[in-house]
Amino acid sequence: MRYPPSHKLATRRRIVAAASAAFREQGVAETGLDDVMRRAGLTHGGFYSHFSDKSELIAEACADAFEAAVPNLDRIASMPTAAQRARLLIDSYLAVRHRDNRGAGCLLVAVGADMARLRGSARTGYTQGFRRHLDRLCAALRLDERPEENRERVLRLLSSLVGALLLARAIDDESASTAMLASIRRQLRDEFCRESSKRATSRPAPAGGFLPSHDFFLSV
Protein backbone atom coordinates (compact mmCIF):
# COMPACT_ATOMS: atom_id res chain seq x y z
CA MET A 1 0.00 0.00 0.00
CA ARG A 2 1.39 3.38 -1.03
CA TYR A 3 1.04 6.25 1.39
CA PRO A 4 0.89 9.94 0.41
CA PRO A 5 3.94 12.10 1.24
CA SER A 6 1.98 13.67 4.11
CA HIS A 7 1.84 10.28 5.83
CA LYS A 8 5.62 10.01 6.03
CA LEU A 9 5.88 13.54 7.38
CA ALA A 10 3.22 12.85 10.01
CA THR A 11 5.01 9.65 11.02
CA ARG A 12 8.32 11.49 11.33
CA ARG A 13 6.65 14.06 13.59
CA ARG A 14 5.26 11.26 15.79
CA ILE A 15 8.75 9.84 16.20
CA VAL A 16 10.20 13.26 17.03
CA ALA A 17 7.47 13.96 19.58
CA ALA A 18 7.97 10.56 21.20
CA ALA A 19 11.74 11.08 21.33
CA SER A 20 11.40 14.56 22.78
CA ALA A 21 9.29 13.29 25.68
CA ALA A 22 11.46 10.20 26.23
CA PHE A 23 14.72 12.15 26.25
CA ARG A 24 13.36 14.60 28.81
CA GLU A 25 11.91 11.87 30.99
CA GLN A 26 14.74 9.32 30.86
CA GLY A 27 17.76 11.12 29.44
CA VAL A 28 19.33 10.75 26.03
CA ALA A 29 21.79 8.01 26.95
CA GLU A 30 19.16 5.88 28.67
CA THR A 31 16.65 6.08 25.82
CA GLY A 32 17.00 3.50 23.08
CA LEU A 33 15.51 3.62 19.62
CA ASP A 34 13.24 0.67 20.44
CA ASP A 35 11.69 2.71 23.25
CA VAL A 36 11.19 5.76 21.03
CA MET A 37 9.53 3.75 18.27
CA ARG A 38 7.32 1.90 20.75
CA ARG A 39 6.15 5.21 22.19
CA ALA A 40 5.37 6.36 18.65
CA GLY A 41 3.39 3.17 18.02
CA LEU A 42 5.86 1.92 15.41
CA THR A 43 8.39 -0.87 14.97
CA HIS A 44 12.13 -0.42 15.26
CA GLY A 45 12.68 -1.34 11.61
CA GLY A 46 10.86 1.76 10.39
CA PHE A 47 13.25 4.16 12.10
CA TYR A 48 15.81 4.26 9.31
CA SER A 49 13.20 5.23 6.77
CA HIS A 50 13.10 8.61 8.54
CA PHE A 51 16.49 9.18 10.19
CA SER A 52 20.06 8.21 9.41
CA ASP A 53 20.97 7.60 13.06
CA LYS A 54 20.12 8.50 16.65
CA SER A 55 22.17 11.72 16.49
CA GLU A 56 19.92 13.11 13.78
CA LEU A 57 16.87 12.26 15.86
CA ILE A 58 18.36 13.91 18.95
CA ALA A 59 19.05 17.12 17.04
CA GLU A 60 15.53 17.27 15.64
CA ALA A 61 13.89 16.35 18.95
CA CYS A 62 15.79 19.13 20.68
CA ALA A 63 14.76 21.63 18.02
CA ASP A 64 11.15 20.50 18.42
CA ALA A 65 11.25 20.91 22.21
CA PHE A 66 12.73 24.41 21.98
CA GLU A 67 10.06 25.41 19.45
CA ALA A 68 7.32 24.04 21.70
CA ALA A 69 8.38 26.52 24.38
CA VAL A 70 7.51 29.54 22.21
CA PRO A 71 3.86 29.88 23.39
CA ASN A 72 5.08 29.94 27.00
CA LEU A 73 7.56 32.68 26.17
CA ASP A 74 4.76 34.62 24.50
CA ARG A 75 2.77 34.43 27.74
CA ILE A 76 5.74 35.75 29.67
CA ALA A 77 6.27 38.56 27.16
CA SER A 78 2.65 39.67 27.52
CA MET A 79 3.10 40.66 31.18
CA PRO A 80 3.33 44.46 31.54
CA THR A 81 6.42 44.81 33.75
CA ALA A 82 9.85 43.18 33.96
CA ALA A 83 9.12 42.14 37.55
CA GLN A 84 5.92 40.37 36.54
CA ARG A 85 7.61 38.67 33.60
CA ALA A 86 10.40 37.38 35.82
CA ARG A 87 7.91 36.34 38.49
CA LEU A 88 5.89 34.25 36.07
CA LEU A 89 8.99 32.45 34.84
CA ILE A 90 10.42 31.87 38.32
CA ASP A 91 7.18 30.57 39.84
CA SER A 92 6.44 28.40 36.81
CA TYR A 93 9.89 26.93 36.46
CA LEU A 94 10.48 26.16 40.13
CA ALA A 95 7.06 24.65 40.73
CA VAL A 96 6.74 21.19 42.28
CA ARG A 97 4.67 19.98 39.33
CA HIS A 98 7.42 21.00 36.92
CA ARG A 99 9.93 19.10 39.04
CA ASP A 100 7.77 15.99 39.04
CA ASN A 101 6.83 15.97 35.34
CA ARG A 102 10.17 15.60 33.58
CA GLY A 103 8.76 14.27 30.33
CA ALA A 104 6.72 17.43 29.76
CA GLY A 105 9.14 19.96 31.19
CA CYS A 106 12.12 22.06 30.22
CA LEU A 107 14.63 20.52 27.84
CA LEU A 108 17.60 22.44 29.24
CA VAL A 109 17.65 20.78 32.63
CA ALA A 110 16.51 17.38 31.32
CA VAL A 111 19.25 16.69 28.77
CA GLY A 112 21.96 19.28 29.41
CA ALA A 113 24.30 16.81 31.13
CA ASP A 114 23.84 14.32 28.29
CA MET A 115 24.74 16.92 25.70
CA ALA A 116 28.06 17.65 27.39
CA ARG A 117 29.07 14.06 26.56
CA LEU A 118 27.94 14.07 22.92
CA ARG A 119 29.57 15.25 19.73
CA GLY A 120 28.51 15.84 16.16
CA SER A 121 25.04 16.71 14.90
CA ALA A 122 23.27 16.02 18.22
CA ARG A 123 25.29 18.54 20.16
CA THR A 124 25.35 21.02 17.28
CA GLY A 125 21.57 20.85 17.01
CA TYR A 126 21.15 21.38 20.73
CA THR A 127 23.54 24.34 20.68
CA GLN A 128 21.70 26.01 17.82
CA GLY A 129 18.37 25.45 19.52
CA PHE A 130 19.68 26.83 22.80
CA ARG A 131 20.96 30.00 21.12
CA ARG A 132 17.56 30.65 19.54
CA HIS A 133 15.84 29.89 22.84
CA LEU A 134 18.08 32.30 24.72
CA ASP A 135 17.43 35.06 22.16
CA ARG A 136 13.70 34.51 22.54
CA LEU A 137 13.92 34.46 26.32
CA CYS A 138 15.82 37.75 26.31
CA ALA A 139 13.15 39.28 24.07
CA ALA A 140 10.36 37.93 26.28
CA LEU A 141 11.73 38.92 29.70
CA ARG A 142 13.19 42.34 28.86
CA LEU A 143 14.85 42.69 32.27
CA ASP A 144 16.94 45.68 31.18
CA GLU A 145 16.54 48.23 28.40
CA ARG A 146 20.23 47.80 27.47
CA PRO A 147 20.64 44.66 25.31
CA GLU A 148 23.94 43.46 26.76
CA GLU A 149 22.84 43.97 30.35
CA ASN A 150 19.51 42.32 29.59
CA ARG A 151 21.27 39.24 28.19
CA GLU A 152 23.55 39.02 31.22
CA ARG A 153 20.62 39.21 33.65
CA VAL A 154 18.62 36.67 31.67
CA LEU A 155 21.59 34.30 31.65
CA ARG A 156 21.98 34.68 35.40
CA LEU A 157 18.30 33.99 35.99
CA LEU A 158 18.20 31.06 33.58
CA SER A 159 21.33 29.48 35.07
CA SER A 160 19.87 29.80 38.58
CA LEU A 161 16.58 28.23 37.51
CA VAL A 162 18.19 25.30 35.69
CA GLY A 163 20.64 24.61 38.51
CA ALA A 164 17.96 24.72 41.19
CA LEU A 165 15.61 22.40 39.30
CA LEU A 166 18.45 20.00 38.51
CA LEU A 167 19.38 19.70 42.19
CA ALA A 168 15.74 19.43 43.29
CA ARG A 169 15.21 16.52 40.90
CA ALA A 170 18.48 14.81 41.79
CA ILE A 171 17.97 14.24 45.52
CA ASP A 172 15.69 11.51 46.86
CA ASP A 173 14.36 13.52 49.82
CA GLU A 174 11.07 15.01 48.59
CA SER A 175 10.60 17.41 51.48
CA ALA A 176 14.15 18.73 51.17
CA SER A 177 13.67 19.07 47.42
CA THR A 178 10.44 21.02 47.86
CA ALA A 179 12.04 23.27 50.46
CA MET A 180 14.94 23.92 48.09
CA LEU A 181 12.56 25.03 45.33
CA ALA A 182 10.72 27.35 47.72
CA SER A 183 13.97 28.85 49.01
CA ILE A 184 15.38 29.57 45.55
CA ARG A 185 12.02 30.98 44.41
CA ARG A 186 12.14 33.46 47.29
CA GLN A 187 15.72 34.45 46.59
CA LEU A 188 15.17 34.94 42.87
CA ARG A 189 11.97 36.90 43.45
CA ASP A 190 13.90 39.20 45.76
CA GLU A 191 16.54 39.77 43.11
CA PHE A 192 14.38 40.01 39.99
CA CYS A 193 10.83 40.87 41.14
CA ARG A 194 11.10 43.73 43.60
CA GLU A 195 8.88 45.89 41.42
CA SER A 196 5.99 43.45 41.86
CA SER A 197 5.43 44.50 45.48
CA LYS A 198 4.97 48.13 44.47
CA ARG A 199 2.47 47.80 41.65
CA ALA A 200 -1.21 47.15 42.13
CA THR A 201 -1.27 45.17 38.87
CA SER A 202 0.98 42.47 40.32
CA ARG A 203 -0.82 39.34 41.42
CA PRO A 204 0.13 37.98 44.85
CA ALA A 205 1.20 34.36 45.05
CA PRO A 206 -1.19 32.00 46.84
CA ALA A 207 -0.31 30.26 50.08
CA GLY A 208 1.49 27.49 48.20
CA GLY A 209 4.12 29.96 47.10
CA PHE A 210 3.66 30.11 43.34
CA LEU A 211 1.22 31.42 40.75
CA PRO A 212 -1.60 29.15 39.55
CA SER A 213 -0.26 29.56 36.01
CA HIS A 214 2.84 27.54 36.89
CA ASP A 215 1.39 24.53 35.08
CA PHE A 216 2.11 26.07 31.69
CA PHE A 217 5.56 24.41 31.70
CA LEU A 218 3.89 21.03 31.51
CA SER A 219 2.84 21.77 27.94
CA VAL A 220 6.41 22.28 26.77
C-alpha atoms as a PDB file:
ATOM      1  CA  MET A   1       0.000   0.000   0.000  1.00  0.00           C
ATOM      2  CA  ARG A   2       1.387   3.384  -1.029  1.00  0.00           C
ATOM      3  CA  TYR A   3       1.039   6.253   1.391  1.00  0.00           C
ATOM      4  CA  PRO A   4       0.888   9.940   0.414  1.00  0.00           C
ATOM      5  CA  PRO A   5       3.942  12.096   1.243  1.00  0.00           C
ATOM      6  CA  SER A   6       1.978  13.665   4.107  1.00  0.00           C
ATOM      7  CA  HIS A   7       1.837  10.279   5.833  1.00  0.00           C
ATOM      8  CA  LYS A   8       5.620  10.014   6.031  1.00  0.00           C
ATOM      9  CA  LEU A   9       5.876  13.543   7.380  1.00  0.00           C
ATOM     10  CA  ALA A  10       3.224  12.847  10.010  1.00  0.00           C
ATOM     11  CA  THR A  11       5.010   9.646  11.018  1.00  0.00           C
ATOM     12  CA  ARG A  12       8.317  11.494  11.331  1.00  0.00           C
ATOM     13  CA  ARG A  13       6.646  14.055  13.586  1.00  0.00           C
ATOM     14  CA  ARG A  14       5.261  11.261  15.789  1.00  0.00           C
ATOM     15  CA  ILE A  15       8.753   9.839  16.197  1.00  0.00           C
ATOM     16  CA  VAL A  16      10.205  13.256  17.028  1.00  0.00           C
ATOM     17  CA  ALA A  17       7.471  13.962  19.582  1.00  0.00           C
ATOM     18  CA  ALA A  18       7.973  10.555  21.205  1.00  0.00           C
ATOM     19  CA  ALA A  19      11.738  11.078  21.330  1.00  0.00           C
ATOM     20  CA  SER A  20      11.399  14.565  22.776  1.00  0.00           C
ATOM     21  CA  ALA A  21       9.292  13.291  25.679  1.00  0.00           C
ATOM     22  CA  ALA A  22      11.455  10.201  26.232  1.00  0.00           C
ATOM     23  CA  PHE A  23      14.717  12.155  26.249  1.00  0.00           C
ATOM     24  CA  ARG A  24      13.357  14.601  28.813  1.00  0.00           C
ATOM     25  CA  GLU A  25      11.911  11.871  30.994  1.00  0.00           C
ATOM     26  CA  GLN A  26      14.742   9.316  30.856  1.00  0.00           C
ATOM     27  CA  GLY A  27      17.762  11.124  29.442  1.00  0.00           C
ATOM     28  CA  VAL A  28      19.333  10.753  26.027  1.00  0.00           C
ATOM     29  CA  ALA A  29      21.794   8.009  26.949  1.00  0.00           C
ATOM     30  CA  GLU A  30      19.156   5.880  28.673  1.00  0.00           C
ATOM     31  CA  THR A  31      16.653   6.079  25.820  1.00  0.00           C
ATOM     32  CA  GLY A  32      17.003   3.496  23.081  1.00  0.00           C
ATOM     33  CA  LEU A  33      15.510   3.616  19.621  1.00  0.00           C
ATOM     34  CA  ASP A  34      13.239   0.674  20.444  1.00  0.00           C
ATOM     35  CA  ASP A  35      11.685   2.710  23.252  1.00  0.00           C
ATOM     36  CA  VAL A  36      11.187   5.757  21.034  1.00  0.00           C
ATOM     37  CA  MET A  37       9.535   3.750  18.269  1.00  0.00           C
ATOM     38  CA  ARG A  38       7.324   1.896  20.746  1.00  0.00           C
ATOM     39  CA  ARG A  39       6.146   5.206  22.190  1.00  0.00           C
ATOM     40  CA  ALA A  40       5.370   6.356  18.654  1.00  0.00           C
ATOM     41  CA  GLY A  41       3.386   3.171  18.022  1.00  0.00           C
ATOM     42  CA  LEU A  42       5.856   1.918  15.412  1.00  0.00           C
ATOM     43  CA  THR A  43       8.388  -0.872  14.972  1.00  0.00           C
ATOM     44  CA  HIS A  44      12.131  -0.423  15.257  1.00  0.00           C
ATOM     45  CA  GLY A  45      12.678  -1.336  11.608  1.00  0.00           C
ATOM     46  CA  GLY A  46      10.858   1.757  10.392  1.00  0.00           C
ATOM     47  CA  PHE A  47      13.251   4.159  12.103  1.00  0.00           C
ATOM     48  CA  TYR A  48      15.814   4.260   9.311  1.00  0.00           C
ATOM     49  CA  SER A  49      13.197   5.234   6.768  1.00  0.00           C
ATOM     50  CA  HIS A  50      13.098   8.607   8.544  1.00  0.00           C
ATOM     51  CA  PHE A  51      16.486   9.179  10.195  1.00  0.00           C
ATOM     52  CA  SER A  52      20.061   8.210   9.414  1.00  0.00           C
ATOM     53  CA  ASP A  53      20.966   7.604  13.061  1.00  0.00           C
ATOM     54  CA  LYS A  54      20.122   8.503  16.654  1.00  0.00           C
ATOM     55  CA  SER A  55      22.172  11.718  16.488  1.00  0.00           C
ATOM     56  CA  GLU A  56      19.916  13.112  13.775  1.00  0.00           C
ATOM     57  CA  LEU A  57      16.865  12.257  15.863  1.00  0.00           C
ATOM     58  CA  ILE A  58      18.362  13.913  18.954  1.00  0.00           C
ATOM     59  CA  ALA A  59      19.051  17.121  17.042  1.00  0.00           C
ATOM     60  CA  GLU A  60      15.527  17.269  15.637  1.00  0.00           C
ATOM     61  CA  ALA A  61      13.886  16.348  18.954  1.00  0.00           C
ATOM     62  CA  CYS A  62      15.790  19.133  20.682  1.00  0.00           C
ATOM     63  CA  ALA A  63      14.760  21.634  18.022  1.00  0.00           C
ATOM     64  CA  ASP A  64      11.150  20.501  18.415  1.00  0.00           C
ATOM     65  CA  ALA A  65      11.253  20.905  22.210  1.00  0.00           C
ATOM     66  CA  PHE A  66      12.728  24.405  21.978  1.00  0.00           C
ATOM     67  CA  GLU A  67      10.057  25.407  19.447  1.00  0.00           C
ATOM     68  CA  ALA A  68       7.319  24.040  21.696  1.00  0.00           C
ATOM     69  CA  ALA A  69       8.382  26.521  24.378  1.00  0.00           C
ATOM     70  CA  VAL A  70       7.512  29.545  22.214  1.00  0.00           C
ATOM     71  CA  PRO A  71       3.862  29.880  23.393  1.00  0.00           C
ATOM     72  CA  ASN A  72       5.077  29.944  26.997  1.00  0.00           C
ATOM     73  CA  LEU A  73       7.564  32.685  26.165  1.00  0.00           C
ATOM     74  CA  ASP A  74       4.755  34.618  24.503  1.00  0.00           C
ATOM     75  CA  ARG A  75       2.767  34.428  27.745  1.00  0.00           C
ATOM     76  CA  ILE A  76       5.738  35.751  29.674  1.00  0.00           C
ATOM     77  CA  ALA A  77       6.269  38.560  27.160  1.00  0.00           C
ATOM     78  CA  SER A  78       2.649  39.668  27.520  1.00  0.00           C
ATOM     79  CA  MET A  79       3.099  40.664  31.179  1.00  0.00           C
ATOM     80  CA  PRO A  80       3.330  44.460  31.539  1.00  0.00           C
ATOM     81  CA  THR A  81       6.423  44.807  33.754  1.00  0.00           C
ATOM     82  CA  ALA A  82       9.848  43.180  33.962  1.00  0.00           C
ATOM     83  CA  ALA A  83       9.118  42.140  37.551  1.00  0.00           C
ATOM     84  CA  GLN A  84       5.918  40.366  36.538  1.00  0.00           C
ATOM     85  CA  ARG A  85       7.606  38.671  33.603  1.00  0.00           C
ATOM     86  CA  ALA A  86      10.400  37.384  35.817  1.00  0.00           C
ATOM     87  CA  ARG A  87       7.907  36.336  38.495  1.00  0.00           C
ATOM     88  CA  LEU A  88       5.890  34.254  36.067  1.00  0.00           C
ATOM     89  CA  LEU A  89       8.993  32.452  34.843  1.00  0.00           C
ATOM     90  CA  ILE A  90      10.420  31.868  38.322  1.00  0.00           C
ATOM     91  CA  ASP A  91       7.185  30.565  39.839  1.00  0.00           C
ATOM     92  CA  SER A  92       6.438  28.405  36.806  1.00  0.00           C
ATOM     93  CA  TYR A  93       9.886  26.926  36.463  1.00  0.00           C
ATOM     94  CA  LEU A  94      10.479  26.163  40.127  1.00  0.00           C
ATOM     95  CA  ALA A  95       7.056  24.645  40.727  1.00  0.00           C
ATOM     96  CA  VAL A  96       6.741  21.186  42.283  1.00  0.00           C
ATOM     97  CA  ARG A  97       4.669  19.982  39.330  1.00  0.00           C
ATOM     98  CA  HIS A  98       7.423  21.004  36.922  1.00  0.00           C
ATOM     99  CA  ARG A  99       9.933  19.104  39.041  1.00  0.00           C
ATOM    100  CA  ASP A 100       7.768  15.992  39.045  1.00  0.00           C
ATOM    101  CA  ASN A 101       6.834  15.971  35.342  1.00  0.00           C
ATOM    102  CA  ARG A 102      10.165  15.596  33.583  1.00  0.00           C
ATOM    103  CA  GLY A 103       8.763  14.268  30.327  1.00  0.00           C
ATOM    104  CA  ALA A 104       6.720  17.429  29.756  1.00  0.00           C
ATOM    105  CA  GLY A 105       9.136  19.960  31.194  1.00  0.00           C
ATOM    106  CA  CYS A 106      12.121  22.065  30.217  1.00  0.00           C
ATOM    107  CA  LEU A 107      14.626  20.521  27.836  1.00  0.00           C
ATOM    108  CA  LEU A 108      17.597  22.444  29.241  1.00  0.00           C
ATOM    109  CA  VAL A 109      17.651  20.780  32.630  1.00  0.00           C
ATOM    110  CA  ALA A 110      16.510  17.385  31.320  1.00  0.00           C
ATOM    111  CA  VAL A 111      19.251  16.694  28.765  1.00  0.00           C
ATOM    112  CA  GLY A 112      21.965  19.276  29.409  1.00  0.00           C
ATOM    113  CA  ALA A 113      24.298  16.808  31.132  1.00  0.00           C
ATOM    114  CA  ASP A 114      23.838  14.316  28.292  1.00  0.00           C
ATOM    115  CA  MET A 115      24.740  16.922  25.703  1.00  0.00           C
ATOM    116  CA  ALA A 116      28.062  17.646  27.389  1.00  0.00           C
ATOM    117  CA  ARG A 117      29.069  14.055  26.555  1.00  0.00           C
ATOM    118  CA  LEU A 118      27.942  14.069  22.924  1.00  0.00           C
ATOM    119  CA  ARG A 119      29.574  15.245  19.726  1.00  0.00           C
ATOM    120  CA  GLY A 120      28.506  15.836  16.157  1.00  0.00           C
ATOM    121  CA  SER A 121      25.037  16.708  14.900  1.00  0.00           C
ATOM    122  CA  ALA A 122      23.275  16.018  18.217  1.00  0.00           C
ATOM    123  CA  ARG A 123      25.294  18.542  20.164  1.00  0.00           C
ATOM    124  CA  THR A 124      25.349  21.025  17.283  1.00  0.00           C
ATOM    125  CA  GLY A 125      21.570  20.851  17.006  1.00  0.00           C
ATOM    126  CA  TYR A 126      21.151  21.380  20.732  1.00  0.00           C
ATOM    127  CA  THR A 127      23.543  24.342  20.683  1.00  0.00           C
ATOM    128  CA  GLN A 128      21.700  26.008  17.818  1.00  0.00           C
ATOM    129  CA  GLY A 129      18.365  25.448  19.524  1.00  0.00           C
ATOM    130  CA  PHE A 130      19.681  26.826  22.796  1.00  0.00           C
ATOM    131  CA  ARG A 131      20.956  30.004  21.118  1.00  0.00           C
ATOM    132  CA  ARG A 132      17.562  30.653  19.544  1.00  0.00           C
ATOM    133  CA  HIS A 133      15.839  29.888  22.836  1.00  0.00           C
ATOM    134  CA  LEU A 134      18.075  32.298  24.723  1.00  0.00           C
ATOM    135  CA  ASP A 135      17.430  35.059  22.163  1.00  0.00           C
ATOM    136  CA  ARG A 136      13.697  34.507  22.539  1.00  0.00           C
ATOM    137  CA  LEU A 137      13.919  34.459  26.325  1.00  0.00           C
ATOM    138  CA  CYS A 138      15.824  37.750  26.308  1.00  0.00           C
ATOM    139  CA  ALA A 139      13.148  39.278  24.072  1.00  0.00           C
ATOM    140  CA  ALA A 140      10.356  37.927  26.278  1.00  0.00           C
ATOM    141  CA  LEU A 141      11.733  38.916  29.696  1.00  0.00           C
ATOM    142  CA  ARG A 142      13.195  42.343  28.860  1.00  0.00           C
ATOM    143  CA  LEU A 143      14.847  42.688  32.275  1.00  0.00           C
ATOM    144  CA  ASP A 144      16.940  45.677  31.175  1.00  0.00           C
ATOM    145  CA  GLU A 145      16.543  48.225  28.400  1.00  0.00           C
ATOM    146  CA  ARG A 146      20.225  47.797  27.471  1.00  0.00           C
ATOM    147  CA  PRO A 147      20.639  44.664  25.307  1.00  0.00           C
ATOM    148  CA  GLU A 148      23.942  43.465  26.758  1.00  0.00           C
ATOM    149  CA  GLU A 149      22.835  43.973  30.347  1.00  0.00           C
ATOM    150  CA  ASN A 150      19.514  42.316  29.588  1.00  0.00           C
ATOM    151  CA  ARG A 151      21.267  39.244  28.192  1.00  0.00           C
ATOM    152  CA  GLU A 152      23.551  39.022  31.216  1.00  0.00           C
ATOM    153  CA  ARG A 153      20.620  39.211  33.647  1.00  0.00           C
ATOM    154  CA  VAL A 154      18.617  36.667  31.674  1.00  0.00           C
ATOM    155  CA  LEU A 155      21.588  34.296  31.647  1.00  0.00           C
ATOM    156  CA  ARG A 156      21.980  34.676  35.401  1.00  0.00           C
ATOM    157  CA  LEU A 157      18.297  33.989  35.992  1.00  0.00           C
ATOM    158  CA  LEU A 158      18.205  31.059  33.576  1.00  0.00           C
ATOM    159  CA  SER A 159      21.325  29.477  35.075  1.00  0.00           C
ATOM    160  CA  SER A 160      19.869  29.796  38.576  1.00  0.00           C
ATOM    161  CA  LEU A 161      16.581  28.226  37.513  1.00  0.00           C
ATOM    162  CA  VAL A 162      18.187  25.303  35.693  1.00  0.00           C
ATOM    163  CA  GLY A 163      20.637  24.612  38.510  1.00  0.00           C
ATOM    164  CA  ALA A 164      17.957  24.720  41.186  1.00  0.00           C
ATOM    165  CA  LEU A 165      15.612  22.397  39.298  1.00  0.00           C
ATOM    166  CA  LEU A 166      18.451  19.997  38.510  1.00  0.00           C
ATOM    167  CA  LEU A 167      19.378  19.696  42.188  1.00  0.00           C
ATOM    168  CA  ALA A 168      15.744  19.431  43.290  1.00  0.00           C
ATOM    169  CA  ARG A 169      15.208  16.522  40.901  1.00  0.00           C
ATOM    170  CA  ALA A 170      18.478  14.814  41.792  1.00  0.00           C
ATOM    171  CA  ILE A 171      17.974  14.244  45.523  1.00  0.00           C
ATOM    172  CA  ASP A 172      15.688  11.509  46.860  1.00  0.00           C
ATOM    173  CA  ASP A 173      14.357  13.521  49.821  1.00  0.00           C
ATOM    174  CA  GLU A 174      11.072  15.006  48.590  1.00  0.00           C
ATOM    175  CA  SER A 175      10.597  17.407  51.481  1.00  0.00           C
ATOM    176  CA  ALA A 176      14.148  18.732  51.172  1.00  0.00           C
ATOM    177  CA  SER A 177      13.669  19.068  47.422  1.00  0.00           C
ATOM    178  CA  THR A 178      10.442  21.018  47.861  1.00  0.00           C
ATOM    179  CA  ALA A 179      12.041  23.266  50.461  1.00  0.00           C
ATOM    180  CA  MET A 180      14.938  23.916  48.087  1.00  0.00           C
ATOM    181  CA  LEU A 181      12.563  25.029  45.327  1.00  0.00           C
ATOM    182  CA  ALA A 182      10.724  27.351  47.720  1.00  0.00           C
ATOM    183  CA  SER A 183      13.970  28.847  49.008  1.00  0.00           C
ATOM    184  CA  ILE A 184      15.377  29.570  45.547  1.00  0.00           C
ATOM    185  CA  ARG A 185      12.021  30.983  44.410  1.00  0.00           C
ATOM    186  CA  ARG A 186      12.136  33.457  47.290  1.00  0.00           C
ATOM    187  CA  GLN A 187      15.717  34.453  46.588  1.00  0.00           C
ATOM    188  CA  LEU A 188      15.175  34.936  42.867  1.00  0.00           C
ATOM    189  CA  ARG A 189      11.969  36.897  43.452  1.00  0.00           C
ATOM    190  CA  ASP A 190      13.901  39.198  45.760  1.00  0.00           C
ATOM    191  CA  GLU A 191      16.544  39.774  43.112  1.00  0.00           C
ATOM    192  CA  PHE A 192      14.380  40.014  39.990  1.00  0.00           C
ATOM    193  CA  CYS A 193      10.827  40.867  41.141  1.00  0.00           C
ATOM    194  CA  ARG A 194      11.101  43.730  43.598  1.00  0.00           C
ATOM    195  CA  GLU A 195       8.881  45.893  41.421  1.00  0.00           C
ATOM    196  CA  SER A 196       5.991  43.449  41.857  1.00  0.00           C
ATOM    197  CA  SER A 197       5.426  44.503  45.484  1.00  0.00           C
ATOM    198  CA  LYS A 198       4.970  48.133  44.466  1.00  0.00           C
ATOM    199  CA  ARG A 199       2.472  47.799  41.645  1.00  0.00           C
ATOM    200  CA  ALA A 200      -1.207  47.147  42.129  1.00  0.00           C
ATOM    201  CA  THR A 201      -1.274  45.172  38.874  1.00  0.00           C
ATOM    202  CA  SER A 202       0.978  42.470  40.321  1.00  0.00           C
ATOM    203  CA  ARG A 203      -0.824  39.342  41.424  1.00  0.00           C
ATOM    204  CA  PRO A 204       0.125  37.980  44.852  1.00  0.00           C
ATOM    205  CA  ALA A 205       1.201  34.365  45.048  1.00  0.00           C
ATOM    206  CA  PRO A 206      -1.192  31.999  46.843  1.00  0.00           C
ATOM    207  CA  ALA A 207      -0.306  30.260  50.079  1.00  0.00           C
ATOM    208  CA  GLY A 208       1.495  27.490  48.201  1.00  0.00           C
ATOM    209  CA  GLY A 209       4.121  29.961  47.097  1.00  0.00           C
ATOM    210  CA  PHE A 210       3.663  30.111  43.340  1.00  0.00           C
ATOM    211  CA  LEU A 211       1.223  31.418  40.755  1.00  0.00           C
ATOM    212  CA  PRO A 212      -1.601  29.153  39.549  1.00  0.00           C
ATOM    213  CA  SER A 213      -0.260  29.556  36.005  1.00  0.00           C
ATOM    214  CA  HIS A 214       2.844  27.541  36.895  1.00  0.00           C
ATOM    215  CA  ASP A 215       1.395  24.525  35.081  1.00  0.00           C
ATOM    216  CA  PHE A 216       2.112  26.070  31.686  1.00  0.00           C
ATOM    217  CA  PHE A 217       5.562  24.407  31.701  1.00  0.00           C
ATOM    218  CA  LEU A 218       3.890  21.030  31.514  1.00  0.00           C
ATOM    219  CA  SER A 219       2.838  21.773  27.942  1.00  0.00           C
ATOM    220  CA  VAL A 220       6.413  22.276  26.766  1.00  0.00           C
END
